[in-house]
Amino acid sequence: MNPVWELATGWLALSGIVSFALMGFDKHLARGAGWRVSEKTFFALALAGGVFGVLAGSGAFHHKSRKSSFMAVVLLSAVLWLAGLVELARLAGFP
C-alpha cells in the first residue's frame, strides 16, 4: 500500500477517535453546568481530519445533531475530506 495513503488513513482514524471521544465528553458536560468544548474546536477538529468522529459522535450521543449551522459546517468538512481522499486515491494509482 502507498505510504502516503497509509499516513492519511491513520491520521483520519486517530483524529476521528479523538473527536468522537470529545463529542461524548462535551455531551456529558452539557448535562451539567460549567466549562464546555466550543463549536470552533469541533470545527477545527473536523477540518483537521476528525470529521468522521464528529459526525459519528453527533449521532451516537445525539449531540448538536439538531443544530443545522453546526451540521452544515461539519458536512462541508466531510465533503472536502472525501474529495481529498478520492484525489489521493487517484494519485496513488488506486482504480
PDB file of N, CA and C in Angstrom:
ATOM      1  N   MET A   1       0.849  -1.178   0.000  1.00  0.00           N
ATOM      2  CA  MET A   1       0.000   0.000   0.000  1.00  0.00           C
ATOM      3  C   MET A   1       0.896   1.245   0.000  1.00  0.00           C
ATOM      4  N   ASN A   2       0.398   2.301  -0.568  1.00  0.00           N
ATOM      5  CA  ASN A   2       1.107   3.570  -0.656  1.00  0.00           C
ATOM      6  C   ASN A   2       1.290   4.167   0.743  1.00  0.00           C
ATOM      7  N   PRO A   3       2.534   4.578   1.116  1.00  0.00           N
ATOM      8  CA  PRO A   3       2.759   5.120   2.458  1.00  0.00           C
ATOM      9  C   PRO A   3       1.988   6.421   2.719  1.00  0.00           C
ATOM     10  N   VAL A   4       1.767   7.223   1.705  1.00  0.00           N
ATOM     11  CA  VAL A   4       1.000   8.458   1.884  1.00  0.00           C
ATOM     12  C   VAL A   4      -0.452   8.112   2.208  1.00  0.00           C
ATOM     13  N   TRP A   5      -0.994   7.119   1.526  1.00  0.00           N
ATOM     14  CA  TRP A   5      -2.360   6.677   1.794  1.00  0.00           C
ATOM     15  C   TRP A   5      -2.465   6.125   3.214  1.00  0.00           C
ATOM     16  N   GLU A   6      -1.467   5.327   3.642  1.00  0.00           N
ATOM     17  CA  GLU A   6      -1.464   4.787   4.998  1.00  0.00           C
ATOM     18  C   GLU A   6      -1.409   5.904   6.032  1.00  0.00           C
ATOM     19  N   LEU A   7      -0.589   6.910   5.788  1.00  0.00           N
ATOM     20  CA  LEU A   7      -0.485   8.044   6.705  1.00  0.00           C
ATOM     21  C   LEU A   7      -1.810   8.802   6.785  1.00  0.00           C
ATOM     22  N   ALA A   8      -2.430   9.041   5.649  1.00  0.00           N
ATOM     23  CA  ALA A   8      -3.701   9.777   5.619  1.00  0.00           C
ATOM     24  C   ALA A   8      -4.799   9.009   6.342  1.00  0.00           C
ATOM     25  N   THR A   9      -4.915   7.728   6.079  1.00  0.00           N
ATOM     26  CA  THR A   9      -5.975   6.949   6.724  1.00  0.00           C
ATOM     27  C   THR A   9      -5.691   6.782   8.221  1.00  0.00           C
ATOM     28  N   GLY A  10      -4.428   6.649   8.591  1.00  0.00           N
ATOM     29  CA  GLY A  10      -4.072   6.581  10.004  1.00  0.00           C
ATOM     30  C   GLY A  10      -4.405   7.872  10.727  1.00  0.00           C
ATOM     31  N   TRP A  11      -4.104   8.996  10.070  1.00  0.00           N
ATOM     32  CA  TRP A  11      -4.428  10.298  10.660  1.00  0.00           C
ATOM     33  C   TRP A  11      -5.936  10.460  10.822  1.00  0.00           C
ATOM     34  N   LEU A  12      -6.695  10.084   9.811  1.00  0.00           N
ATOM     35  CA  LEU A  12      -8.153  10.179   9.895  1.00  0.00           C
ATOM     36  C   LEU A  12      -8.697   9.300  11.015  1.00  0.00           C
ATOM     37  N   ALA A  13      -8.143   8.118  11.164  1.00  0.00           N
ATOM     38  CA  ALA A  13      -8.611   7.214  12.227  1.00  0.00           C
ATOM     39  C   ALA A  13      -8.292   7.790  13.605  1.00  0.00           C
ATOM     40  N   LEU A  14      -7.066   8.246  13.802  1.00  0.00           N
ATOM     41  CA  LEU A  14      -6.669   8.786  15.099  1.00  0.00           C
ATOM     42  C   LEU A  14      -7.445  10.058  15.447  1.00  0.00           C
ATOM     43  N   SER A  15      -7.525  10.972  14.504  1.00  0.00           N
ATOM     44  CA  SER A  15      -8.248  12.217  14.777  1.00  0.00           C
ATOM     45  C   SER A  15      -9.750  11.961  14.926  1.00  0.00           C
ATOM     46  N   GLY A  16     -10.265  10.953  14.239  1.00  0.00           N
ATOM     47  CA  GLY A  16     -11.669  10.582  14.381  1.00  0.00           C
ATOM     48  C   GLY A  16     -11.982  10.035  15.766  1.00  0.00           C
ATOM     49  N   ILE A  17     -11.081   9.215  16.292  1.00  0.00           N
ATOM     50  CA  ILE A  17     -11.273   8.659  17.636  1.00  0.00           C
ATOM     51  C   ILE A  17     -11.249   9.769  18.680  1.00  0.00           C
ATOM     52  N   VAL A  18     -10.291  10.683  18.550  1.00  0.00           N
ATOM     53  CA  VAL A  18     -10.195  11.807  19.488  1.00  0.00           C
ATOM     54  C   VAL A  18     -11.446  12.675  19.399  1.00  0.00           C
ATOM     55  N   SER A  19     -11.895  12.959  18.194  1.00  0.00           N
ATOM     56  CA  SER A  19     -13.081  13.801  18.003  1.00  0.00           C
ATOM     57  C   SER A  19     -14.333  13.136  18.551  1.00  0.00           C
ATOM     58  N   PHE A  20     -14.469  11.836  18.316  1.00  0.00           N
ATOM     59  CA  PHE A  20     -15.616  11.085  18.830  1.00  0.00           C
ATOM     60  C   PHE A  20     -15.648  11.147  20.358  1.00  0.00           C
ATOM     61  N   ALA A  21     -14.490  10.912  20.973  1.00  0.00           N
ATOM     62  CA  ALA A  21     -14.413  10.947  22.434  1.00  0.00           C
ATOM     63  C   ALA A  21     -14.732  12.341  22.970  1.00  0.00           C
ATOM     64  N   LEU A  22     -14.258  13.369  22.289  1.00  0.00           N
ATOM     65  CA  LEU A  22     -14.519  14.736  22.737  1.00  0.00           C
ATOM     66  C   LEU A  22     -15.999  15.089  22.596  1.00  0.00           C
ATOM     67  N   MET A  23     -16.668  14.563  21.572  1.00  0.00           N
ATOM     68  CA  MET A  23     -18.115  14.777  21.453  1.00  0.00           C
ATOM     69  C   MET A  23     -18.838  14.148  22.641  1.00  0.00           C
ATOM     70  N   GLY A  24     -18.440  12.948  23.034  1.00  0.00           N
ATOM     71  CA  GLY A  24     -19.050  12.295  24.188  1.00  0.00           C
ATOM     72  C   GLY A  24     -18.781  13.046  25.477  1.00  0.00           C
ATOM     73  N   PHE A  25     -17.555  13.540  25.614  1.00  0.00           N
ATOM     74  CA  PHE A  25     -17.193  14.306  26.803  1.00  0.00           C
ATOM     75  C   PHE A  25     -17.990  15.602  26.870  1.00  0.00           C
ATOM     76  N   ASP A  26     -18.143  16.284  25.746  1.00  0.00           N
ATOM     77  CA  ASP A  26     -18.901  17.534  25.731  1.00  0.00           C
ATOM     78  C   ASP A  26     -20.374  17.279  26.017  1.00  0.00           C
ATOM     79  N   LYS A  27     -20.907  16.167  25.543  1.00  0.00           N
ATOM     80  CA  LYS A  27     -22.296  15.823  25.855  1.00  0.00           C
ATOM     81  C   LYS A  27     -22.463  15.606  27.355  1.00  0.00           C
ATOM     82  N   HIS A  28     -21.484  14.952  27.948  1.00  0.00           N
ATOM     83  CA  HIS A  28     -21.508  14.756  29.397  1.00  0.00           C
ATOM     84  C   HIS A  28     -21.479  16.108  30.119  1.00  0.00           C
ATOM     85  N   LEU A  29     -20.627  17.018  29.648  1.00  0.00           N
ATOM     86  CA  LEU A  29     -20.546  18.347  30.248  1.00  0.00           C
ATOM     87  C   LEU A  29     -21.822  19.145  30.025  1.00  0.00           C
ATOM     88  N   ALA A  30     -22.509  18.893  28.917  1.00  0.00           N
ATOM     89  CA  ALA A  30     -23.731  19.637  28.596  1.00  0.00           C
ATOM     90  C   ALA A  30     -24.843  19.339  29.601  1.00  0.00           C
ATOM     91  N   ARG A  31     -24.790  18.202  30.226  1.00  0.00           N
ATOM     92  CA  ARG A  31     -25.825  17.832  31.198  1.00  0.00           C
ATOM     93  C   ARG A  31     -25.675  18.588  32.515  1.00  0.00           C
ATOM     94  N   GLY A  32     -24.492  19.112  32.770  1.00  0.00           N
ATOM     95  CA  GLY A  32     -24.251  19.865  33.994  1.00  0.00           C
ATOM     96  C   GLY A  32     -23.890  21.301  33.651  1.00  0.00           C
ATOM     97  N   ALA A  33     -23.541  22.038  34.645  1.00  0.00           N
ATOM     98  CA  ALA A  33     -23.132  23.421  34.423  1.00  0.00           C
ATOM     99  C   ALA A  33     -21.612  23.473  34.353  1.00  0.00           C
ATOM    100  N   GLY A  34     -21.112  24.500  33.730  1.00  0.00           N
ATOM    101  CA  GLY A  34     -19.667  24.689  33.721  1.00  0.00           C
ATOM    102  C   GLY A  34     -19.074  24.727  32.332  1.00  0.00           C
ATOM    103  N   TRP A  35     -17.794  24.434  32.284  1.00  0.00           N
ATOM    104  CA  TRP A  35     -16.984  24.534  31.075  1.00  0.00           C
ATOM    105  C   TRP A  35     -17.499  23.595  29.993  1.00  0.00           C
ATOM    106  N   ARG A  36     -17.447  24.040  28.738  1.00  0.00           N
ATOM    107  CA  ARG A  36     -17.865  23.240  27.579  1.00  0.00           C
ATOM    108  C   ARG A  36     -16.825  23.360  26.481  1.00  0.00           C
ATOM    109  N   VAL A  37     -16.843  22.426  25.574  1.00  0.00           N
ATOM    110  CA  VAL A  37     -15.987  22.474  24.393  1.00  0.00           C
ATOM    111  C   VAL A  37     -16.664  23.387  23.377  1.00  0.00           C
ATOM    112  N   SER A  38     -15.926  24.327  22.824  1.00  0.00           N
ATOM    113  CA  SER A  38     -16.529  25.283  21.892  1.00  0.00           C
ATOM    114  C   SER A  38     -16.779  24.636  20.527  1.00  0.00           C
ATOM    115  N   GLU A  39     -17.745  25.185  19.819  1.00  0.00           N
ATOM    116  CA  GLU A  39     -18.017  24.694  18.465  1.00  0.00           C
ATOM    117  C   GLU A  39     -16.814  24.940  17.559  1.00  0.00           C
ATOM    118  N   LYS A  40     -16.101  26.023  17.788  1.00  0.00           N
ATOM    119  CA  LYS A  40     -14.902  26.299  16.984  1.00  0.00           C
ATOM    120  C   LYS A  40     -13.883  25.173  17.116  1.00  0.00           C
ATOM    121  N   THR A  41     -13.801  24.587  18.298  1.00  0.00           N
ATOM    122  CA  THR A  41     -12.890  23.462  18.499  1.00  0.00           C
ATOM    123  C   THR A  41     -13.330  22.271  17.662  1.00  0.00           C
ATOM    124  N   PHE A  42     -14.638  21.997  17.657  1.00  0.00           N
ATOM    125  CA  PHE A  42     -15.138  20.886  16.833  1.00  0.00           C
ATOM    126  C   PHE A  42     -14.945  21.168  15.343  1.00  0.00           C
ATOM    127  N   PHE A  43     -15.128  22.413  14.928  1.00  0.00           N
ATOM    128  CA  PHE A  43     -14.900  22.769  13.524  1.00  0.00           C
ATOM    129  C   PHE A  43     -13.434  22.562  13.159  1.00  0.00           C
ATOM    130  N   ALA A  44     -12.535  22.992  14.044  1.00  0.00           N
ATOM    131  CA  ALA A  44     -11.101  22.820  13.792  1.00  0.00           C
ATOM    132  C   ALA A  44     -10.738  21.340  13.710  1.00  0.00           C
ATOM    133  N   LEU A  45     -11.293  20.544  14.619  1.00  0.00           N
ATOM    134  CA  LEU A  45     -11.038  19.103  14.582  1.00  0.00           C
ATOM    135  C   LEU A  45     -11.567  18.480  13.296  1.00  0.00           C
ATOM    136  N   ALA A  46     -12.754  18.896  12.882  1.00  0.00           N
ATOM    137  CA  ALA A  46     -13.339  18.361  11.650  1.00  0.00           C
ATOM    138  C   ALA A  46     -12.462  18.687  10.449  1.00  0.00           C
ATOM    139  N   LEU A  47     -12.018  19.923  10.357  1.00  0.00           N
ATOM    140  CA  LEU A  47     -11.165  20.323   9.234  1.00  0.00           C
ATOM    141  C   LEU A  47      -9.793  19.657   9.289  1.00  0.00           C
ATOM    142  N   ALA A  48      -9.334  19.349  10.508  1.00  0.00           N
ATOM    143  CA  ALA A  48      -8.028  18.718  10.672  1.00  0.00           C
ATOM    144  C   ALA A  48      -8.059  17.208  10.430  1.00  0.00           C
ATOM    145  N   GLY A  49      -9.243  16.654  10.209  1.00  0.00           N
ATOM    146  CA  GLY A  49      -9.341  15.235   9.898  1.00  0.00           C
ATOM    147  C   GLY A  49     -10.266  14.446  10.787  1.00  0.00           C
ATOM    148  N   GLY A  50     -10.768  15.052  11.851  1.00  0.00           N
ATOM    149  CA  GLY A  50     -11.646  14.330  12.760  1.00  0.00           C
ATOM    150  C   GLY A  50     -13.106  14.407  12.388  1.00  0.00           C
ATOM    151  N   VAL A  51     -13.378  14.764  11.145  1.00  0.00           N
ATOM    152  CA  VAL A  51     -14.753  14.997  10.707  1.00  0.00           C
ATOM    153  C   VAL A  51     -15.641  13.771  10.890  1.00  0.00           C
ATOM    154  N   PHE A  52     -15.115  12.596  10.624  1.00  0.00           N
ATOM    155  CA  PHE A  52     -15.945  11.406  10.723  1.00  0.00           C
ATOM    156  C   PHE A  52     -16.202  11.035  12.186  1.00  0.00           C
ATOM    157  N   GLY A  53     -15.287  11.370  13.081  1.00  0.00           N
ATOM    158  CA  GLY A  53     -15.505  11.196  14.509  1.00  0.00           C
ATOM    159  C   GLY A  53     -16.540  12.164  15.049  1.00  0.00           C
ATOM    160  N   VAL A  54     -16.503  13.407  14.546  1.00  0.00           N
ATOM    161  CA  VAL A  54     -17.504  14.396  14.953  1.00  0.00           C
ATOM    162  C   VAL A  54     -18.885  13.942  14.483  1.00  0.00           C
ATOM    163  N   LEU A  55     -18.986  13.484  13.248  1.00  0.00           N
ATOM    164  CA  LEU A  55     -20.276  13.011  12.734  1.00  0.00           C
ATOM    165  C   LEU A  55     -20.770  11.790  13.505  1.00  0.00           C
ATOM    166  N   ALA A  56     -19.881  10.848  13.751  1.00  0.00           N
ATOM    167  CA  ALA A  56     -20.277   9.646  14.489  1.00  0.00           C
ATOM    168  C   ALA A  56     -20.667   9.994  15.924  1.00  0.00           C
ATOM    169  N   GLY A  57     -19.919  10.889  16.552  1.00  0.00           N
ATOM    170  CA  GLY A  57     -20.232  11.299  17.915  1.00  0.00           C
ATOM    171  C   GLY A  57     -21.538  12.059  18.000  1.00  0.00           C
ATOM    172  N   SER A  58     -21.804  12.869  16.998  1.00  0.00           N
ATOM    173  CA  SER A  58     -23.062  13.609  16.960  1.00  0.00           C
ATOM    174  C   SER A  58     -24.246  12.645  16.909  1.00  0.00           C
ATOM    175  N   GLY A  59     -24.105  11.611  16.112  1.00  0.00           N
ATOM    176  CA  GLY A  59     -25.172  10.617  16.014  1.00  0.00           C
ATOM    177  C   GLY A  59     -25.271   9.722  17.228  1.00  0.00           C
ATOM    178  N   ALA A  60     -24.135   9.258  17.727  1.00  0.00           N
ATOM    179  CA  ALA A  60     -24.133   8.323  18.851  1.00  0.00           C
ATOM    180  C   ALA A  60     -24.595   8.965  20.152  1.00  0.00           C
ATOM    181  N   PHE A  61     -24.188  10.205  20.361  1.00  0.00           N
ATOM    182  CA  PHE A  61     -24.516  10.877  21.616  1.00  0.00           C
ATOM    183  C   PHE A  61     -25.698  11.844  21.476  1.00  0.00           C
ATOM    184  N   HIS A  62     -26.268  11.920  20.280  1.00  0.00           N
ATOM    185  CA  HIS A  62     -27.354  12.871  19.999  1.00  0.00           C
ATOM    186  C   HIS A  62     -26.944  14.274  20.442  1.00  0.00           C
ATOM    187  N   HIS A  63     -25.735  14.635  20.036  1.00  0.00           N
ATOM    188  CA  HIS A  63     -25.145  15.893  20.476  1.00  0.00           C
ATOM    189  C   HIS A  63     -24.951  16.829  19.293  1.00  0.00           C
ATOM    190  N   LYS A  64     -25.582  17.959  19.343  1.00  0.00           N
ATOM    191  CA  LYS A  64     -25.519  19.009  18.330  1.00  0.00           C
ATOM    192  C   LYS A  64     -26.108  18.566  16.987  1.00  0.00           C
ATOM    193  N   SER A  65     -26.810  17.451  16.975  1.00  0.00           N
ATOM    194  CA  SER A  65     -27.352  16.932  15.721  1.00  0.00           C
ATOM    195  C   SER A  65     -28.538  17.754  15.206  1.00  0.00           C
ATOM    196  N   ARG A  66     -29.197  18.488  16.072  1.00  0.00           N
ATOM    197  CA  ARG A  66     -30.327  19.331  15.647  1.00  0.00           C
ATOM    198  C   ARG A  66     -29.887  20.735  15.251  1.00  0.00           C
ATOM    199  N   LYS A  67     -28.645  21.067  15.528  1.00  0.00           N
ATOM    200  CA  LYS A  67     -28.155  22.408  15.241  1.00  0.00           C
ATOM    201  C   LYS A  67     -27.686  22.446  13.786  1.00  0.00           C
ATOM    202  N   SER A  68     -28.526  22.985  12.905  1.00  0.00           N
ATOM    203  CA  SER A  68     -28.261  22.914  11.468  1.00  0.00           C
ATOM    204  C   SER A  68     -27.000  23.668  11.058  1.00  0.00           C
ATOM    205  N   SER A  69     -26.706  24.788  11.699  1.00  0.00           N
ATOM    206  CA  SER A  69     -25.499  25.530  11.323  1.00  0.00           C
ATOM    207  C   SER A  69     -24.243  24.728  11.666  1.00  0.00           C
ATOM    208  N   PHE A  70     -24.265  24.025  12.787  1.00  0.00           N
ATOM    209  CA  PHE A  70     -23.136  23.174  13.176  1.00  0.00           C
ATOM    210  C   PHE A  70     -22.982  22.029  12.178  1.00  0.00           C
ATOM    211  N   MET A  71     -24.092  21.351  11.899  1.00  0.00           N
ATOM    212  CA  MET A  71     -24.037  20.202  10.995  1.00  0.00           C
ATOM    213  C   MET A  71     -23.632  20.606   9.582  1.00  0.00           C
ATOM    214  N   ALA A  72     -24.039  21.789   9.135  1.00  0.00           N
ATOM    215  CA  ALA A  72     -23.667  22.248   7.792  1.00  0.00           C
ATOM    216  C   ALA A  72     -22.158  22.385   7.657  1.00  0.00           C
ATOM    217  N   VAL A  73     -21.518  22.960   8.659  1.00  0.00           N
ATOM    218  CA  VAL A  73     -20.061  23.128   8.607  1.00  0.00           C
ATOM    219  C   VAL A  73     -19.365  21.773   8.662  1.00  0.00           C
ATOM    220  N   VAL A  74     -19.851  20.889   9.518  1.00  0.00           N
ATOM    221  CA  VAL A  74     -19.239  19.565   9.636  1.00  0.00           C
ATOM    222  C   VAL A  74     -19.441  18.760   8.347  1.00  0.00           C
ATOM    223  N   LEU A  75     -20.623  18.833   7.755  1.00  0.00           N
ATOM    224  CA  LEU A  75     -20.861  18.119   6.497  1.00  0.00           C
ATOM    225  C   LEU A  75     -20.022  18.680   5.359  1.00  0.00           C
ATOM    226  N   LEU A  76     -19.821  19.981   5.336  1.00  0.00           N
ATOM    227  CA  LEU A  76     -18.927  20.584   4.337  1.00  0.00           C
ATOM    228  C   LEU A  76     -17.507  20.060   4.518  1.00  0.00           C
ATOM    229  N   SER A  77     -17.072  19.936   5.766  1.00  0.00           N
ATOM    230  CA  SER A  77     -15.752  19.365   6.044  1.00  0.00           C
ATOM    231  C   SER A  77     -15.668  17.925   5.539  1.00  0.00           C
ATOM    232  N   ALA A  78     -16.748  17.169   5.719  1.00  0.00           N
ATOM    233  CA  ALA A  78     -16.777  15.780   5.244  1.00  0.00           C
ATOM    234  C   ALA A  78     -16.651  15.719   3.731  1.00  0.00           C
ATOM    235  N   VAL A  79     -17.352  16.600   3.041  1.00  0.00           N
ATOM    236  CA  VAL A  79     -17.267  16.637   1.573  1.00  0.00           C
ATOM    237  C   VAL A  79     -15.841  16.966   1.136  1.00  0.00           C
ATOM    238  N   LEU A  80     -15.227  17.935   1.796  1.00  0.00           N
ATOM    239  CA  LEU A  80     -13.845  18.304   1.458  1.00  0.00           C
ATOM    240  C   LEU A  80     -12.887  17.145   1.697  1.00  0.00           C
ATOM    241  N   TRP A  81     -13.028  16.457   2.818  1.00  0.00           N
ATOM    242  CA  TRP A  81     -12.162  15.317   3.096  1.00  0.00           C
ATOM    243  C   TRP A  81     -12.397  14.167   2.124  1.00  0.00           C
ATOM    244  N   LEU A  82     -13.648  13.901   1.799  1.00  0.00           N
ATOM    245  CA  LEU A  82     -13.926  12.830   0.833  1.00  0.00           C
ATOM    246  C   LEU A  82     -13.343  13.158  -0.534  1.00  0.00           C
ATOM    247  N   ALA A  83     -13.485  14.411  -0.967  1.00  0.00           N
ATOM    248  CA  ALA A  83     -12.897  14.825  -2.243  1.00  0.00           C
ATOM    249  C   ALA A  83     -11.377  14.683  -2.198  1.00  0.00           C
ATOM    250  N   GLY A  84     -10.784  15.068  -1.077  1.00  0.00           N
ATOM    251  CA  GLY A  84      -9.334  14.925  -0.933  1.00  0.00           C
ATOM    252  C   GLY A  84      -8.893  13.474  -0.960  1.00  0.00           C
ATOM    253  N   LEU A  85      -9.658  12.599  -0.328  1.00  0.00           N
ATOM    254  CA  LEU A  85      -9.322  11.172  -0.334  1.00  0.00           C
ATOM    255  C   LEU A  85      -9.473  10.557  -1.714  1.00  0.00           C
ATOM    256  N   VAL A  86     -10.490  10.974  -2.431  1.00  0.00           N
ATOM    257  CA  VAL A  86     -10.666  10.489  -3.805  1.00  0.00           C
ATOM    258  C   VAL A  86      -9.475  10.919  -4.661  1.00  0.00           C
ATOM    259  N   GLU A  87      -9.060  12.164  -4.520  1.00  0.00           N
ATOM    260  CA  GLU A  87      -7.916  12.652  -5.289  1.00  0.00           C
ATOM    261  C   GLU A  87      -6.623  11.926  -4.857  1.00  0.00           C
ATOM    262  N   LEU A  88      -6.450  11.704  -3.580  1.00  0.00           N
ATOM    263  CA  LEU A  88      -5.283  10.981  -3.099  1.00  0.00           C
ATOM    264  C   LEU A  88      -5.272   9.567  -3.646  1.00  0.00           C
ATOM    265  N   ALA A  89      -6.422   8.922  -3.663  1.00  0.00           N
ATOM    266  CA  ALA A  89      -6.520   7.567  -4.218  1.00  0.00           C
ATOM    267  C   ALA A  89      -6.185   7.577  -5.708  1.00  0.00           C
ATOM    268  N   ARG A  90      -6.635   8.599  -6.409  1.00  0.00           N
ATOM    269  CA  ARG A  90      -6.331   8.706  -7.834  1.00  0.00           C
ATOM    270  C   ARG A  90      -4.831   8.870  -8.048  1.00  0.00           C
ATOM    271  N   LEU A  91      -4.218   9.724  -7.256  1.00  0.00           N
ATOM    272  CA  LEU A  91      -2.776   9.960  -7.386  1.00  0.00           C
ATOM    273  C   LEU A  91      -1.959   8.747  -6.964  1.00  0.00           C
ATOM    274  N   ALA A  92      -2.481   7.972  -6.014  1.00  0.00           N
ATOM    275  CA  ALA A  92      -1.780   6.782  -5.554  1.00  0.00           C
ATOM    276  C   ALA A  92      -1.945   5.607  -6.512  1.00  0.00           C
ATOM    277  N   GLY A  93      -2.801   5.773  -7.515  1.00  0.00           N
ATOM    278  CA  GLY A  93      -2.975   4.745  -8.521  1.00  0.00           C
ATOM    279  C   GLY A  93      -4.023   3.709  -8.197  1.00  0.00           C
ATOM    280  N   PHE A  94      -4.893   3.998  -7.241  1.00  0.00           N
ATOM    281  CA  PHE A  94      -5.980   3.058  -6.963  1.00  0.00           C
ATOM    282  C   PHE A  94      -7.000   3.148  -8.097  1.00  0.00           C
ATOM    283  N   PRO A  95      -7.613   2.029  -8.450  1.00  0.00           N
ATOM    284  CA  PRO A  95      -8.593   2.044  -9.556  1.00  0.00           C
ATOM    285  C   PRO A  95      -9.862   2.782  -9.204  1.00  0.00           C
TER     286      PRO A  95
END
